Amino acid sequence: MKKLSLGQVAVYVVLGLAAIPVLFPIYYGFVGAVMGPGDLATYPPALVPSALHWQNVGDVFRSVPLGRFYVNSAVQAGVITVAQIVTSIFAAYAFAFLRLPAKAATFGLFLATLMVPWEAIIIPNYLAISDWGLTRGGLTYLGLVLPFLASAFGTFLLRQAFLQFPSELRDAAVIDGCGHWRLLWRVIVPLSRPSIAAVGVYVFLSAWNQYFWPLILIRDTEFQTLQIGISQLNDAEAAQPGLVLAGVALSLLPTLAVVIFGQRYIVRGLTAGALR
């Protein structure tokens, strides 16, 4: 067994200490979800439940239509993720391989949109979506996803990954009769799956955790997303912290699953275009 040097031990200790403030809210969210009122009311706060209080989880489903909120969030996040992956693939291919006039300047303007804060355009977006009548009924889904169907970040990441392809490989595909469409879907996309998966994970997490846009847009309770719906559990007149923590824990499950199973794609995807 390889012995660790003193420097390596110090690095692991520092990383472990730095991980505590990151992981503790997640830990307490899940632990607090099964704590009884007595454990949650103690001072200093209990870190381990004296008994498992599963009633909190059942009370969440009885208090709010959590299943409906899950469906709404899944539809929103799923549509945004698929749309951004598709639009990013097409835009990245164009910026990487096609001969376009003023391509560098256009790409620079495209990236400049990343520096525009969301708060600066949220009011114009809301006014446009509201004028188009996309805040009522089933059209609410369209209003939720319409401003997020394309992403400069995804385009930039995939363009960097596409630029890593050897020109000889593209030339061989062209000699074999591949046009742009076939080259993209038969060669480029299959070999770029880590980068595409990284974009998908990032976009899904961002879309799933959206709060402000659904808050100002949705008018019907039936179409509320999970992040908005669980806020109904926080009743100031009858505070039930166990109920709130149970709702938070249930809302974290999909994002934790995506991070756990998709983290290797995130690392591989983000480092794919680091070297040329």
Protein backbone atom coordinates (compact mmCIF):
# COMPACT_ATOMS: atom_id res chain seq x y z
CA MET A 1 0.00 0.00 0.00
CA LYS A 2 1.40 3.36 -1.05
CA LYS A 3 2.14 5.70 1.83
CA LEU A 4 0.87 9.25 1.64
CA SER A 5 3.32 12.07 2.09
CA LEU A 6 2.75 14.78 4.66
CA GLY A 7 1.81 17.23 1.92
CA GLN A 8 -0.81 14.85 0.49
CA VAL A 9 -2.29 14.31 3.94
CA ALA A 10 -2.50 18.07 4.45
CA VAL A 11 -4.26 18.47 1.08
CA TYR A 12 -6.83 15.80 1.96
CA VAL A 13 -7.45 17.40 5.35
CA VAL A 14 -7.99 20.85 3.80
CA LEU A 15 -10.30 19.40 1.13
CA GLY A 16 -12.25 17.50 3.78
CA LEU A 17 -12.72 20.64 5.87
CA ALA A 18 -13.74 22.62 2.80
CA ALA A 19 -16.32 19.96 1.91
CA ILE A 20 -18.10 20.25 5.28
CA PRO A 21 -19.92 23.57 4.62
CA VAL A 22 -20.87 22.28 1.14
CA LEU A 23 -22.23 18.91 2.22
CA PHE A 24 -23.75 19.86 5.58
CA PRO A 25 -26.88 21.61 4.18
CA ILE A 26 -27.60 18.52 2.06
CA TYR A 27 -27.05 16.23 5.04
CA TYR A 28 -29.25 18.27 7.35
CA GLY A 29 -31.94 18.58 4.69
CA PHE A 30 -32.31 14.81 4.49
CA VAL A 31 -31.80 14.20 8.22
CA GLY A 32 -34.20 16.99 9.18
CA ALA A 33 -36.82 15.50 6.85
CA VAL A 34 -37.17 12.52 9.19
CA MET A 35 -36.82 14.41 12.50
CA GLY A 36 -39.72 14.90 14.84
CA PRO A 37 -40.77 18.30 16.20
CA GLY A 38 -38.87 17.66 19.43
CA ASP A 39 -35.52 17.11 17.68
CA LEU A 40 -35.98 20.17 15.48
CA ALA A 41 -36.89 22.40 18.42
CA THR A 42 -33.88 21.53 20.58
CA TYR A 43 -30.99 23.90 21.14
CA PRO A 44 -28.31 23.33 20.06
CA PRO A 45 -29.92 21.63 17.05
CA ALA A 46 -29.83 17.85 16.95
CA LEU A 47 -27.63 16.46 14.19
CA VAL A 48 -29.00 12.92 14.40
CA PRO A 49 -32.70 12.10 14.80
CA SER A 50 -33.67 10.34 17.98
CA ALA A 51 -36.30 8.44 15.98
CA LEU A 52 -37.23 8.32 12.32
CA HIS A 53 -40.31 10.47 11.73
CA TRP A 54 -41.46 9.36 8.26
CA GLN A 55 -44.76 11.14 8.70
CA ASN A 56 -43.13 14.32 7.40
CA VAL A 57 -42.75 12.78 3.94
CA GLY A 58 -46.36 11.66 3.84
CA ASP A 59 -47.54 15.07 5.05
CA VAL A 60 -45.78 16.73 2.12
CA PHE A 61 -47.86 14.75 -0.39
CA ARG A 62 -51.02 15.48 1.59
CA SER A 63 -50.29 19.21 1.89
CA VAL A 64 -49.42 20.02 -1.75
CA PRO A 65 -49.85 18.23 -5.11
CA LEU A 66 -46.18 17.28 -5.17
CA GLY A 67 -46.61 14.79 -8.01
CA ARG A 68 -48.03 17.50 -10.26
CA PHE A 69 -45.18 19.84 -9.33
CA TYR A 70 -42.68 17.11 -10.24
CA VAL A 71 -44.31 16.66 -13.65
CA ASN A 72 -44.28 20.40 -14.33
CA SER A 73 -40.60 20.72 -13.40
CA ALA A 74 -39.71 17.60 -15.41
CA VAL A 75 -41.48 18.95 -18.51
CA GLN A 76 -39.82 22.34 -18.16
CA ALA A 77 -36.32 21.01 -17.50
CA GLY A 78 -36.60 18.25 -20.09
CA VAL A 79 -37.74 20.53 -22.93
CA ILE A 80 -35.11 23.17 -22.12
CA THR A 81 -32.36 20.53 -21.94
CA VAL A 82 -33.24 18.87 -25.25
CA ALA A 83 -33.72 22.22 -27.01
CA GLN A 84 -30.42 23.66 -25.81
CA ILE A 85 -28.51 20.50 -26.74
CA VAL A 86 -29.95 20.53 -30.29
CA THR A 87 -29.46 24.26 -30.88
CA SER A 88 -25.97 24.16 -29.37
CA ILE A 89 -24.95 21.25 -31.62
CA PHE A 90 -26.08 23.05 -34.77
CA ALA A 91 -24.59 26.40 -33.79
CA ALA A 92 -21.30 24.84 -32.64
CA TYR A 93 -20.96 22.92 -35.91
CA ALA A 94 -21.55 26.09 -37.91
CA PHE A 95 -19.00 28.10 -35.92
CA ALA A 96 -16.46 25.28 -36.02
CA PHE A 97 -16.60 24.02 -39.60
CA LEU A 98 -18.66 26.21 -41.92
CA ARG A 99 -17.17 29.08 -43.87
CA LEU A 100 -19.29 32.05 -42.90
CA PRO A 101 -18.74 35.77 -43.48
CA ALA A 102 -17.53 37.55 -40.34
CA LYS A 103 -17.67 34.29 -38.42
CA ALA A 104 -15.23 35.39 -35.72
CA ALA A 105 -17.08 38.65 -35.11
CA THR A 106 -20.41 36.86 -35.04
CA PHE A 107 -19.10 34.31 -32.55
CA GLY A 108 -17.76 37.13 -30.39
CA LEU A 109 -21.18 38.79 -30.33
CA PHE A 110 -22.70 35.40 -29.54
CA LEU A 111 -20.42 35.00 -26.53
CA ALA A 112 -21.09 38.58 -25.44
CA THR A 113 -24.62 37.53 -24.53
CA LEU A 114 -23.10 35.61 -21.62
CA MET A 115 -22.17 38.95 -20.03
CA VAL A 116 -25.75 40.23 -20.08
CA PRO A 117 -27.25 39.55 -16.63
CA TRP A 118 -30.56 37.70 -16.60
CA GLU A 119 -32.06 40.42 -14.40
CA ALA A 120 -31.54 42.95 -17.19
CA ILE A 121 -33.75 41.08 -19.66
CA ILE A 122 -36.30 39.38 -17.42
CA ILE A 123 -38.81 42.25 -17.62
CA PRO A 124 -38.71 42.49 -21.46
CA ASN A 125 -39.04 38.70 -21.62
CA TYR A 126 -42.00 38.73 -19.26
CA LEU A 127 -43.76 41.50 -21.16
CA ALA A 128 -43.28 39.65 -24.45
CA ILE A 129 -44.47 36.31 -23.06
CA SER A 130 -47.45 37.99 -21.40
CA ASP A 131 -48.43 39.86 -24.58
CA TRP A 132 -48.36 36.58 -26.51
CA GLY A 133 -50.78 35.03 -24.00
CA LEU A 134 -48.36 32.37 -22.77
CA THR A 135 -49.15 32.77 -19.07
CA ARG A 136 -52.49 30.96 -18.98
CA GLY A 137 -53.51 27.32 -19.33
CA GLY A 138 -51.38 24.80 -21.16
CA LEU A 139 -49.51 27.58 -22.96
CA THR A 140 -47.76 28.27 -19.65
CA TYR A 141 -45.35 25.44 -20.47
CA LEU A 142 -44.35 27.26 -23.66
CA GLY A 143 -43.86 30.50 -21.74
CA LEU A 144 -41.61 28.74 -19.23
CA VAL A 145 -39.24 27.32 -21.82
CA LEU A 146 -39.30 29.82 -24.70
CA PRO A 147 -36.59 32.21 -23.39
CA PHE A 148 -34.21 29.28 -22.73
CA LEU A 149 -34.25 27.29 -25.98
CA ALA A 150 -30.69 28.34 -26.92
CA SER A 151 -27.52 28.92 -24.93
CA ALA A 152 -24.24 30.64 -25.76
CA PHE A 153 -22.47 28.58 -23.09
CA GLY A 154 -23.49 25.27 -24.64
CA THR A 155 -22.50 26.49 -28.09
CA PHE A 156 -19.08 27.61 -26.85
CA LEU A 157 -18.41 24.33 -25.03
CA LEU A 158 -19.40 22.15 -27.98
CA ARG A 159 -17.53 24.33 -30.47
CA GLN A 160 -14.34 23.85 -28.47
CA ALA A 161 -14.96 20.09 -28.44
CA PHE A 162 -15.67 19.98 -32.18
CA LEU A 163 -12.45 21.85 -32.92
CA GLN A 164 -10.48 18.93 -31.43
CA PHE A 165 -11.43 16.67 -34.31
CA PRO A 166 -8.49 15.97 -36.65
CA SER A 167 -8.96 17.52 -40.06
CA GLU A 168 -7.90 14.18 -41.59
CA LEU A 169 -10.96 12.50 -40.05
CA ARG A 170 -13.28 15.12 -41.53
CA ASP A 171 -11.56 14.91 -44.90
CA ALA A 172 -11.91 11.13 -44.95
CA ALA A 173 -15.63 11.42 -44.17
CA VAL A 174 -16.08 13.96 -46.98
CA ILE A 175 -14.22 11.71 -49.44
CA ASP A 176 -16.56 8.88 -48.46
CA GLY A 177 -19.48 11.07 -49.50
CA CYS A 178 -20.56 12.56 -46.18
CA GLY A 179 -22.35 15.87 -46.42
CA HIS A 180 -22.67 18.29 -43.52
CA TRP A 181 -25.74 16.56 -42.10
CA ARG A 182 -24.29 13.06 -42.22
CA LEU A 183 -20.89 14.22 -40.96
CA LEU A 184 -22.52 15.89 -38.00
CA TRP A 185 -24.79 13.05 -36.90
CA ARG A 186 -22.69 10.03 -37.93
CA VAL A 187 -19.23 11.25 -36.94
CA ILE A 188 -19.10 14.43 -34.86
CA VAL A 189 -22.00 13.84 -32.45
CA PRO A 190 -21.16 10.18 -31.55
CA LEU A 191 -17.57 11.14 -30.75
CA SER A 192 -18.66 14.18 -28.71
CA ARG A 193 -21.00 12.41 -26.32
CA PRO A 194 -19.05 13.38 -23.16
CA SER A 195 -19.21 17.08 -24.05
CA ILE A 196 -22.87 16.85 -25.06
CA ALA A 197 -23.66 15.03 -21.82
CA ALA A 198 -21.84 17.75 -19.85
CA VAL A 199 -23.98 20.40 -21.54
CA GLY A 200 -27.11 18.35 -20.82
CA VAL A 201 -26.31 17.93 -17.13
CA TYR A 202 -25.49 21.62 -16.70
CA VAL A 203 -28.63 22.77 -18.52
CA PHE A 204 -30.89 20.33 -16.68
CA LEU A 205 -29.64 21.42 -13.27
CA SER A 206 -30.04 25.09 -14.16
CA ALA A 207 -33.56 24.56 -15.53
CA TRP A 208 -34.68 22.36 -12.63
CA ASN A 209 -33.55 24.91 -10.05
CA GLN A 210 -35.17 27.93 -11.70
CA TYR A 211 -37.17 29.95 -9.20
CA PHE A 212 -37.63 33.59 -10.18
CA TRP A 213 -38.87 33.10 -13.76
CA PRO A 214 -41.58 30.54 -12.83
CA LEU A 215 -42.49 32.70 -9.82
CA ILE A 216 -43.39 35.77 -11.88
CA LEU A 217 -44.77 33.90 -14.90
CA ILE A 218 -47.07 31.19 -13.53
CA ARG A 219 -50.55 32.32 -12.52
CA ASP A 220 -52.31 28.97 -12.20
CA THR A 221 -51.38 26.71 -9.27
CA GLU A 222 -51.82 23.71 -11.54
CA PHE A 223 -48.73 24.68 -13.52
CA GLN A 224 -46.41 25.61 -10.66
CA THR A 225 -42.98 24.01 -10.70
CA LEU A 226 -41.50 22.11 -7.79
CA GLN A 227 -39.33 24.97 -6.55
CA ILE A 228 -42.37 27.25 -6.31
CA GLY A 229 -44.73 24.57 -5.02
CA ILE A 230 -42.68 23.53 -2.01
CA SER A 231 -42.60 27.14 -0.82
CA GLN A 232 -46.28 26.65 0.06
CA LEU A 233 -45.13 24.35 2.87
CA ASN A 234 -43.58 27.30 4.72
CA ASP A 235 -46.64 28.56 6.56
CA ALA A 236 -45.66 31.43 8.85
CA GLU A 237 -48.68 30.88 11.09
CA ALA A 238 -48.02 27.19 11.65
CA ALA A 239 -44.31 26.67 11.07
CA GLN A 240 -43.42 23.01 10.54
CA PRO A 241 -39.70 22.83 9.79
CA GLY A 242 -39.82 19.05 9.40
CA LEU A 243 -42.44 19.39 6.68
CA VAL A 244 -40.41 22.03 4.86
CA LEU A 245 -37.20 19.99 5.06
CA ALA A 246 -39.02 16.92 3.77
CA GLY A 247 -40.21 18.92 0.77
CA VAL A 248 -36.70 20.25 0.16
CA ALA A 249 -35.22 16.74 0.40
CA LEU A 250 -37.72 15.40 -2.12
CA SER A 251 -36.92 18.24 -4.52
CA LEU A 252 -33.19 17.49 -4.23
CA LEU A 253 -33.44 13.84 -5.28
CA PRO A 254 -33.46 14.38 -9.08
CA THR A 255 -30.59 16.88 -9.00
CA LEU A 256 -28.46 14.64 -6.77
CA ALA A 257 -29.09 11.69 -9.09
CA VAL A 258 -28.06 13.75 -12.12
CA VAL A 259 -24.91 15.03 -10.40
CA ILE A 260 -23.87 11.60 -9.09
CA PHE A 261 -24.35 9.77 -12.39
CA GLY A 262 -23.31 12.64 -14.63
CA GLN A 263 -20.28 14.08 -12.85
CA ARG A 264 -17.79 12.09 -14.94
CA TYR A 265 -19.35 13.51 -18.10
CA ILE A 266 -19.13 17.01 -16.65
CA VAL A 267 -15.39 16.64 -15.99
CA ARG A 268 -14.65 14.99 -19.34
CA GLY A 269 -16.82 17.45 -21.22
CA LEU A 270 -15.40 20.59 -19.63
CA THR A 271 -11.80 19.44 -20.20
CA ALA A 272 -12.32 18.14 -23.75
CA GLY A 273 -11.61 21.53 -25.31
CA ALA A 274 -8.90 22.61 -22.91
CA LEU A 275 -6.00 21.59 -25.15
CA ARG A 276 -5.51 21.87 -28.88
